[in-house]
Amino acid sequence: MKKKFSYICLTFVLLVFGLGNANSDLFKLAYKKIEEGDLKAAKNIAVQMEENKYGEVALLKGWILYKEKSYQEAIDKVRVYLINNKKLNNDYALKIYDDMALLVGVSAYKSENYTLCTENLVEHMRTNISEENKMIPYAAMIAMCYYNQNNYVKSLEYFNYIYINVETEKAKEDAIYNISALFSLMGRVSNSIEWLSKLEDSAVSNWLEMSETDSDFDNIRSSKEYKSLIKRKINKTPTL
């Protein structure tokens, strides 16, 4: 399994709302400062804001904690409001809820709490399903969480989503490689070989060479089809 992807970006990702609440201008400004990396300024703005039932200040502080790599503290900061906003069930509460779910999901991913990550990011993707391209980084996190939980069927579902929706060749090949690895782990040799064969003539990376040392391909490495694939690749490689 390829652990780093060209389409997974764990930098700061936010939704900024302008729904006319009392804090909206400060809220936007604080978010902008966090995105710029000016956490001191963001903290100063948060101090000026009054907390409300939606937990806007808690959300800002949570993203600041995320940027400071205090992932569990970020989760704890918004957990109560996350539950409350879902119960409130009005448009603004649900938008704040969605951003809190995103914060909890990416923080859980970084702290390797895979169950919490999938619970929240799956919810976030469901809410924003019309924005396929923006959801690809979160689909990658979900896929890796399921992979780390040995739930290869669900991981495969999200890597397929990535394969269908990514646009760059590098990102598509990342997905192909991981789909092949998952089929191998599931013992589906022919499917694994079929997907890995798509990378035989890749100009992006030496995927077949990677598969020779990747333990996720142990189930197919002794197969005649895999050996044939590697042999064809070797024969195509120009000698100096």
Protein backbone atom coordinates (compact mmCIF):
# COMPACT_ATOMS: atom_id res chain seq x y z
CA MET A 1 0.00 0.00 0.00
CA LYS A 2 1.27 3.43 -0.90
CA LYS A 3 1.06 5.46 2.32
CA LYS A 4 1.45 8.92 0.78
CA PHE A 5 -0.56 10.16 -2.13
CA SER A 6 -0.41 13.01 -4.59
CA TYR A 7 -4.08 13.76 -3.88
CA ILE A 8 -4.10 13.68 -0.08
CA CYS A 9 -3.44 17.10 1.33
CA LEU A 10 -3.56 17.45 5.11
CA THR A 11 -3.05 21.17 5.10
CA PHE A 12 -5.66 23.44 6.61
CA VAL A 13 -9.01 23.08 4.87
CA LEU A 14 -11.97 25.17 6.01
CA LEU A 15 -15.48 26.15 5.09
CA VAL A 16 -16.12 29.84 5.76
CA PHE A 17 -19.71 30.86 6.31
CA GLY A 18 -21.34 34.24 5.87
CA LEU A 19 -24.79 33.68 7.19
CA GLY A 20 -25.19 36.97 9.06
CA ASN A 21 -24.59 35.82 12.61
CA ALA A 22 -23.12 38.28 15.14
CA ASN A 23 -19.64 36.77 14.89
CA SER A 24 -19.53 36.32 11.12
CA ASP A 25 -16.99 39.06 10.25
CA LEU A 26 -14.61 38.08 13.05
CA PHE A 27 -15.19 34.44 12.21
CA LYS A 28 -14.07 34.94 8.61
CA LEU A 29 -11.10 37.06 9.62
CA ALA A 30 -9.93 34.50 12.18
CA TYR A 31 -10.22 31.71 9.63
CA LYS A 32 -8.18 33.76 7.17
CA LYS A 33 -5.45 34.25 9.77
CA ILE A 34 -5.38 30.52 10.53
CA GLU A 35 -5.06 29.72 6.83
CA GLU A 36 -2.17 32.20 6.61
CA GLY A 37 -0.51 30.52 9.59
CA ASP A 38 -0.86 33.56 11.83
CA LEU A 39 -2.14 31.63 14.84
CA LYS A 40 -1.36 34.44 17.30
CA ALA A 41 -3.63 36.83 15.41
CA ALA A 42 -6.33 34.17 15.16
CA LYS A 43 -6.19 33.62 18.93
CA ASN A 44 -6.49 37.35 19.55
CA ILE A 45 -9.57 37.52 17.34
CA ALA A 46 -11.14 34.52 19.08
CA VAL A 47 -10.80 36.35 22.41
CA GLN A 48 -12.96 39.17 21.02
CA MET A 49 -15.75 36.81 20.05
CA GLU A 50 -18.62 35.77 22.28
CA GLU A 51 -19.30 32.06 22.39
CA ASN A 52 -22.77 31.06 21.27
CA LYS A 53 -24.82 27.89 21.20
CA TYR A 54 -23.19 26.85 17.93
CA GLY A 55 -19.68 26.79 19.42
CA GLU A 56 -18.07 29.11 16.86
CA VAL A 57 -15.25 30.10 19.20
CA ALA A 58 -14.65 26.47 20.11
CA LEU A 59 -14.45 25.65 16.40
CA LEU A 60 -11.85 28.36 15.78
CA LYS A 61 -9.83 27.24 18.77
CA GLY A 62 -10.12 23.67 17.55
CA TRP A 63 -8.61 24.55 14.16
CA ILE A 64 -5.84 26.47 15.91
CA LEU A 65 -5.09 23.38 18.00
CA TYR A 66 -5.08 21.30 14.82
CA LYS A 67 -2.50 23.61 13.28
CA GLU A 68 -0.47 23.29 16.47
CA LYS A 69 -0.65 19.49 16.08
CA SER A 70 -2.64 19.10 19.30
CA TYR A 71 -5.08 16.74 17.63
CA GLN A 72 -6.81 15.21 20.63
CA GLU A 73 -7.29 18.63 22.20
CA ALA A 74 -8.82 19.84 18.92
CA ILE A 75 -11.30 16.96 19.03
CA ASP A 76 -12.17 17.57 22.67
CA LYS A 77 -12.68 21.28 22.04
CA VAL A 78 -15.65 20.76 19.71
CA ARG A 79 -17.08 17.36 20.69
CA VAL A 80 -19.99 18.70 22.81
CA TYR A 81 -20.98 21.32 20.23
CA LEU A 82 -20.74 18.73 17.44
CA ILE A 83 -23.52 16.71 19.05
CA ASN A 84 -25.55 19.80 19.94
CA ASN A 85 -25.46 21.31 16.43
CA LYS A 86 -26.80 18.12 14.89
CA LYS A 87 -29.72 18.25 17.32
CA LEU A 88 -30.43 21.93 16.55
CA ASN A 89 -30.92 20.96 12.90
CA ASN A 90 -31.11 24.47 11.37
CA ASP A 91 -29.07 25.58 8.35
CA TYR A 92 -26.39 27.43 10.27
CA ALA A 93 -26.06 24.75 12.94
CA LEU A 94 -25.64 22.08 10.27
CA LYS A 95 -22.94 24.07 8.45
CA ILE A 96 -21.00 24.52 11.68
CA TYR A 97 -21.62 20.84 12.44
CA ASP A 98 -20.17 19.91 9.06
CA ASP A 99 -16.99 21.91 9.68
CA MET A 100 -16.68 20.39 13.16
CA ALA A 101 -17.07 16.91 11.68
CA LEU A 102 -14.28 17.77 9.25
CA LEU A 103 -12.05 19.01 12.08
CA VAL A 104 -12.68 15.90 14.19
CA GLY A 105 -12.15 13.64 11.17
CA VAL A 106 -8.80 15.04 10.05
CA SER A 107 -7.59 15.34 13.67
CA ALA A 108 -8.55 11.71 14.29
CA TYR A 109 -6.71 10.69 11.12
CA LYS A 110 -3.55 12.44 12.28
CA SER A 111 -3.82 10.84 15.74
CA GLU A 112 -4.53 7.39 14.22
CA ASN A 113 -8.00 7.12 15.71
CA TYR A 114 -9.32 5.41 12.62
CA THR A 115 -12.85 4.67 13.83
CA LEU A 116 -13.48 8.28 14.81
CA CYS A 117 -11.93 9.45 11.54
CA THR A 118 -14.24 7.36 9.35
CA GLU A 119 -17.35 8.25 11.39
CA ASN A 120 -16.83 11.96 10.85
CA LEU A 121 -15.30 12.11 7.37
CA VAL A 122 -17.90 9.77 5.89
CA GLU A 123 -20.53 12.14 7.28
CA HIS A 124 -18.67 15.14 5.82
CA MET A 125 -18.45 13.50 2.39
CA ARG A 126 -22.12 12.59 2.46
CA THR A 127 -23.04 16.22 3.15
CA ASN A 128 -20.81 17.55 0.35
CA ILE A 129 -21.11 14.72 -2.16
CA SER A 130 -21.77 17.11 -5.07
CA GLU A 131 -18.23 18.51 -4.73
CA GLU A 132 -16.34 15.38 -5.85
CA ASN A 133 -12.93 16.97 -6.43
CA LYS A 134 -12.87 18.68 -3.03
CA MET A 135 -13.75 15.40 -1.33
CA ILE A 136 -10.83 13.41 -2.75
CA PRO A 137 -8.38 14.14 0.13
CA TYR A 138 -10.99 13.00 2.64
CA ALA A 139 -11.81 9.90 0.58
CA ALA A 140 -8.08 9.06 0.74
CA MET A 141 -8.05 9.44 4.53
CA ILE A 142 -11.15 7.26 4.86
CA ALA A 143 -9.63 4.64 2.55
CA MET A 144 -6.46 4.54 4.64
CA CYS A 145 -8.44 4.34 7.89
CA TYR A 146 -10.36 1.34 6.62
CA TYR A 147 -7.10 -0.18 5.37
CA ASN A 148 -5.56 0.20 8.83
CA GLN A 149 -8.66 -1.47 10.31
CA ASN A 150 -8.21 -4.37 7.85
CA ASN A 151 -11.56 -3.51 6.27
CA TYR A 152 -10.31 -3.95 2.73
CA VAL A 153 -13.75 -3.99 1.10
CA LYS A 154 -14.61 -0.51 2.41
CA SER A 155 -11.11 0.76 1.65
CA LEU A 156 -11.52 -0.48 -1.91
CA GLU A 157 -14.81 1.42 -2.21
CA TYR A 158 -13.10 4.73 -1.44
CA PHE A 159 -10.03 4.11 -3.59
CA ASN A 160 -12.42 3.36 -6.47
CA TYR A 161 -14.11 6.70 -5.76
CA ILE A 162 -10.69 8.38 -6.00
CA TYR A 163 -9.82 6.53 -9.21
CA ILE A 164 -13.04 7.71 -10.85
CA ASN A 165 -12.81 11.34 -9.72
CA VAL A 166 -9.13 12.34 -9.81
CA GLU A 167 -7.85 14.15 -12.86
CA THR A 168 -4.04 13.90 -12.84
CA GLU A 169 -2.25 10.83 -14.13
CA LYS A 170 -0.11 10.56 -10.99
CA ALA A 171 -3.15 10.58 -8.70
CA LYS A 172 -4.97 8.03 -10.86
CA GLU A 173 -1.96 5.71 -10.78
CA ASP A 174 -1.72 6.08 -6.99
CA ALA A 175 -5.29 4.83 -6.79
CA ILE A 176 -4.67 1.96 -9.23
CA TYR A 177 -1.68 0.76 -7.21
CA ASN A 178 -3.67 0.79 -3.99
CA ILE A 179 -6.65 -0.97 -5.56
CA SER A 180 -4.30 -3.69 -6.77
CA ALA A 181 -2.78 -3.99 -3.28
CA LEU A 182 -6.22 -4.35 -1.72
CA PHE A 183 -7.24 -7.09 -4.13
CA SER A 184 -4.01 -8.88 -3.23
CA LEU A 185 -4.78 -8.61 0.48
CA MET A 186 -8.24 -10.02 -0.21
CA GLY A 187 -6.69 -13.00 -2.00
CA ARG A 188 -8.16 -12.00 -5.36
CA VAL A 189 -5.06 -12.64 -7.43
CA SER A 190 -6.49 -12.16 -10.92
CA ASN A 191 -8.10 -8.83 -9.96
CA SER A 192 -4.87 -7.63 -8.37
CA ILE A 193 -2.84 -8.55 -11.47
CA GLU A 194 -5.43 -6.92 -13.74
CA TRP A 195 -5.11 -3.58 -11.93
CA LEU A 196 -1.34 -3.76 -11.51
CA SER A 197 -0.99 -4.43 -15.24
CA LYS A 198 -2.46 -0.99 -15.91
CA LEU A 199 0.79 0.43 -14.49
CA GLU A 200 3.11 -1.67 -16.63
CA ASP A 201 4.02 1.16 -18.98
CA SER A 202 3.78 4.00 -16.47
CA ALA A 203 6.05 6.97 -17.08
CA VAL A 204 5.17 8.37 -13.65
CA SER A 205 6.72 5.87 -11.25
CA ASN A 206 8.18 2.37 -11.11
CA TRP A 207 5.10 0.79 -9.57
CA LEU A 208 6.02 -2.79 -10.39
CA GLU A 209 9.36 -2.42 -8.66
CA MET A 210 7.56 -1.02 -5.61
CA SER A 211 5.22 -4.01 -5.56
CA GLU A 212 8.19 -6.39 -5.33
CA THR A 213 8.99 -5.19 -1.80
CA ASP A 214 5.49 -4.17 -0.65
CA SER A 215 4.17 -6.81 1.76
CA ASP A 216 0.61 -6.12 0.62
CA PHE A 217 1.48 -7.98 -2.59
CA ASP A 218 2.76 -11.12 -0.84
CA ASN A 219 -0.36 -13.03 -1.88
CA ILE A 220 0.29 -12.58 -5.60
CA ARG A 221 4.08 -12.54 -5.77
CA SER A 222 4.44 -16.28 -6.32
CA SER A 223 1.75 -16.41 -9.01
CA LYS A 224 2.68 -17.15 -12.61
CA GLU A 225 0.82 -14.01 -13.75
CA TYR A 226 2.78 -11.73 -11.44
CA LYS A 227 6.12 -13.23 -12.42
CA SER A 228 5.19 -12.81 -16.07
CA LEU A 229 4.27 -9.17 -15.47
CA ILE A 230 7.61 -8.47 -13.78
CA LYS A 231 9.50 -10.29 -16.53
CA ARG A 232 7.79 -8.24 -19.23
CA LYS A 233 8.72 -5.06 -17.37
CA ILE A 234 12.35 -6.14 -17.06
CA ASN A 235 12.52 -6.94 -20.77
CA LYS A 236 11.16 -3.46 -21.58
CA THR A 237 13.69 -1.70 -19.37
CA PRO A 238 16.52 -0.26 -21.51
CA THR A 239 20.03 -1.28 -20.48
CA LEU A 240 22.84 1.26 -20.21
